[in-house]
Each structure stands twice: as C-alpha cells, then as structure tokens.
Amino acid sequence: MRTTFDFSPLFRSSVGFDRMLNALEAASRVESIDNWPPYDIAKLGDDDYRITMAVAGFGQDELTLTQEQNMLLVSGQKADEDNDQYLHRGIAGRAFQRRFELADHVKVVNARLVNGLLTIDLKREIPEEMKPRRIEIAAGEASHEIETKQIEAEQQAA
C-alpha cells in the first residue's frame, strides 16, 4: 500500500523551498517497476558519498555519466547487438537510464568501472563564503556616538 502526500499547502505557505518540495514530489512519484541496474548508495564521511552500480556486460565506452546542476544521469547503451541465436539469455543487456537527485554543492569527483561495477565518488564542497565563520569581537569602550551626516538638497523656487 502506497500513500501519496499533497504538498500544495506547503507551496502556499513557504518561500524559497520550491526545489526541496519538488524533490519530495518527484520521490513520491518514483516508479518501482524498473529496478535495473541494481545500485548501492553509501555515505563514506560527512561530505563523501559513493554510488555503486552493477553494470555487468557494459563496457566503459557504453556508459555515460552526465551531471547537470543537481542531477546525475547514468545511462548505458549496448554498442551493437550480435545476431546469435540464444537458447537462454539471462544476462541483461538492455539500455538503461538512472537519475540521482544531488544536494546543493555535491560534485562527482571520480568514476571507475572495475569487474562490472561502476563506482561513482561524490563530494559535497561547500564554498568558503557559505561556511560558518567566527566573528572577532573588538575589546574597548563602546562608542555611543553615532556620526550622522545630513544631506541638504537644493531648494528650487516654484
């Protein structure tokens, strides 16, 4: 049994959370029918993540990784189908496309294909200006005088 949520009241009463609410809506619409290729997502540290996908039968030149803003797209397309006559075909070789929503400032730092496993390393790199910073407090007397300047405008005769 799957429950769907109506996020429209949140859209009416919040400002600046559009991307998060859209991600929640998209996650609730995810189709669970196509679960191929299988994958794992691991958190390696505070800012390090790894996606591992089982892509047996695909070569390095048959896989494509694309990152656009906050979306990682992994797709695979077999080069050319052989015309062999199979009695049983159990190795999946169909084309696929898997999308991963990435948080702000998450970048792909490495991707490698070893023994049929595609490993994608991700890192969250928060810009220096967005990191918390310590504000120094100056010692001394507090100045209660605030210097004000008055700007006088020219008066024109009417």
Protein backbone atom coordinates (compact mmCIF):
# COMPACT_ATOMS: atom_id res chain seq x y z
CA MET A 1 0.00 0.00 0.00
CA ARG A 2 1.44 3.32 -1.05
CA THR A 3 0.34 6.65 0.38
CA THR A 4 0.71 9.84 -1.62
CA PHE A 5 1.06 13.21 0.03
CA ASP A 6 -0.39 16.51 -1.12
CA PHE A 7 2.33 19.16 -0.86
CA SER A 8 0.22 22.03 -2.22
CA PRO A 9 -0.43 23.57 1.26
CA LEU A 10 3.34 23.80 1.74
CA PHE A 11 3.74 25.62 -1.59
CA ARG A 12 1.20 28.23 -0.44
CA SER A 13 2.88 28.90 2.91
CA SER A 14 6.60 28.70 2.17
CA VAL A 15 9.06 30.81 0.25
CA GLY A 16 12.32 29.53 -1.21
CA PHE A 17 11.68 25.82 -0.63
CA ASP A 18 10.50 25.10 -4.19
CA ARG A 19 13.39 22.80 -5.05
CA MET A 20 13.02 20.73 -1.89
CA LEU A 21 9.26 20.37 -2.30
CA ASN A 22 9.67 19.44 -5.97
CA ALA A 23 12.21 16.78 -4.94
CA LEU A 24 9.74 15.37 -2.40
CA GLU A 25 7.02 15.23 -5.03
CA ALA A 26 9.35 13.55 -7.52
CA ALA A 27 10.39 10.99 -4.90
CA SER A 28 6.78 10.12 -4.22
CA ARG A 29 6.19 9.52 -7.95
CA VAL A 30 9.19 7.21 -8.44
CA GLU A 31 8.22 4.10 -10.30
CA SER A 32 9.49 1.00 -8.56
CA ILE A 33 8.86 -1.18 -11.62
CA ASP A 34 12.28 -0.66 -13.21
CA ASN A 35 14.87 -1.53 -10.59
CA TRP A 36 17.64 -2.37 -13.04
CA PRO A 37 20.56 -2.00 -12.81
CA PRO A 38 20.86 -2.57 -9.07
CA TYR A 39 22.83 0.03 -7.13
CA ASP A 40 24.03 0.97 -3.65
CA ILE A 41 24.48 4.43 -2.15
CA ALA A 42 26.96 4.67 0.72
CA LYS A 43 27.92 7.59 2.96
CA LEU A 44 31.68 7.41 3.49
CA GLY A 45 32.10 10.52 5.63
CA ASP A 46 30.44 13.80 6.48
CA ASP A 47 30.82 15.08 2.91
CA ASP A 48 31.73 11.94 0.93
CA TYR A 49 29.34 9.56 -0.82
CA ARG A 50 29.66 6.61 -3.22
CA ILE A 51 27.20 5.15 -5.71
CA THR A 52 28.00 1.61 -6.89
CA MET A 53 26.03 0.19 -9.82
CA ALA A 54 26.15 -3.39 -11.12
CA VAL A 55 26.52 -2.95 -14.90
CA ALA A 56 27.85 -6.36 -15.91
CA GLY A 57 28.23 -6.69 -19.66
CA PHE A 58 28.65 -2.96 -20.30
CA GLY A 59 31.99 -1.56 -21.40
CA GLN A 60 33.44 1.79 -20.46
CA ASP A 61 32.52 3.25 -23.86
CA GLU A 62 28.90 2.09 -23.50
CA LEU A 63 28.27 4.05 -20.27
CA THR A 64 27.62 7.78 -19.97
CA LEU A 65 27.66 9.93 -16.83
CA THR A 66 26.25 13.45 -17.02
CA GLN A 67 25.90 15.97 -14.20
CA GLU A 68 23.61 18.95 -14.72
CA GLN A 69 23.14 21.24 -11.74
CA ASN A 70 21.64 18.95 -9.08
CA MET A 71 21.01 15.90 -11.24
CA LEU A 72 23.33 12.98 -12.01
CA LEU A 73 22.28 10.91 -15.02
CA VAL A 74 23.84 7.48 -15.59
CA SER A 75 22.91 5.77 -18.83
CA GLY A 76 24.04 2.67 -20.65
CA GLN A 77 23.54 1.63 -24.26
CA LYS A 78 25.00 -1.56 -25.74
CA ALA A 79 27.07 -0.81 -28.84
CA ASP A 80 25.74 -3.38 -31.27
CA GLU A 81 23.63 -6.43 -30.77
CA ASP A 82 25.05 -9.68 -32.02
CA ASN A 83 22.79 -11.86 -34.11
CA ASP A 84 23.47 -15.03 -32.16
CA GLN A 85 20.60 -17.38 -31.50
CA TYR A 86 20.28 -17.81 -27.73
CA LEU A 87 18.71 -20.79 -26.05
CA HIS A 88 18.62 -18.81 -22.80
CA ARG A 89 19.53 -15.16 -22.25
CA GLY A 90 19.95 -14.31 -18.57
CA ILE A 91 22.50 -11.51 -18.77
CA ALA A 92 20.64 -8.23 -19.03
CA GLY A 93 21.99 -6.02 -21.77
CA ARG A 94 19.12 -3.62 -22.27
CA ALA A 95 19.63 0.11 -22.33
CA PHE A 96 19.04 1.95 -19.06
CA GLN A 97 18.88 5.42 -17.64
CA ARG A 98 19.14 6.08 -13.89
CA ARG A 99 18.73 9.56 -12.34
CA PHE A 100 20.04 10.67 -8.97
CA GLU A 101 18.98 13.95 -7.34
CA LEU A 102 22.03 15.61 -5.80
CA ALA A 103 22.01 18.12 -2.96
CA ASP A 104 23.45 21.58 -3.47
CA HIS A 105 27.24 21.68 -3.86
CA VAL A 106 27.60 17.90 -4.42
CA LYS A 107 30.03 17.13 -7.25
CA VAL A 108 31.21 13.95 -8.96
CA VAL A 109 34.92 13.59 -8.19
CA ASN A 110 35.67 10.17 -9.66
CA ALA A 111 34.09 7.36 -11.68
CA ARG A 112 35.57 3.96 -12.49
CA LEU A 113 34.43 0.65 -13.95
CA VAL A 114 36.01 -2.45 -12.40
CA ASN A 115 34.75 -6.05 -12.68
CA GLY A 116 31.28 -4.98 -13.84
CA LEU A 117 30.79 -2.45 -11.03
CA LEU A 118 30.53 1.25 -11.87
CA THR A 119 31.69 3.24 -8.84
CA ILE A 120 30.92 6.97 -8.67
CA ASP A 121 32.50 9.02 -5.89
CA LEU A 122 30.73 12.22 -4.83
CA LYS A 123 31.82 15.02 -2.54
CA ARG A 124 29.95 17.94 -1.04
CA GLU A 125 32.11 21.03 -1.42
CA ILE A 126 30.57 24.00 0.35
CA PRO A 127 32.00 27.30 -0.94
CA GLU A 128 34.15 29.19 1.53
CA GLU A 129 31.73 32.14 1.70
CA MET A 130 28.91 29.81 2.80
CA LYS A 131 30.84 28.10 5.61
CA PRO A 132 30.32 29.29 9.18
CA ARG A 133 32.90 31.85 10.20
CA ARG A 134 33.93 33.25 13.55
CA ILE A 135 33.44 36.97 14.08
CA GLU A 136 36.08 38.62 16.23
CA ILE A 137 34.79 40.89 18.99
CA ALA A 138 36.87 44.02 19.50
CA ALA A 139 37.81 44.95 23.04
CA GLY A 140 37.49 48.51 24.29
CA GLU A 141 34.90 51.08 25.16
CA ALA A 142 31.64 51.07 23.36
CA SER A 143 31.06 54.19 21.35
CA HIS A 144 27.61 55.63 21.90
CA GLU A 145 28.14 58.43 19.47
CA ILE A 146 26.92 57.76 16.01
CA GLU A 147 28.16 60.17 13.43
CA THR A 148 25.35 61.35 11.24
CA LYS A 149 25.59 63.40 8.12
CA GLN A 150 22.77 65.46 6.84
CA ILE A 151 22.45 65.90 3.14
CA GLU A 152 20.95 69.19 2.17
CA ALA A 153 19.11 69.31 -1.10
CA GLU A 154 18.95 72.41 -3.22
CA GLN A 155 15.70 74.19 -2.94
CA GLN A 156 14.26 75.30 -6.22
CA ALA A 157 11.85 78.17 -6.49
CA ALA A 158 8.48 77.06 -7.63
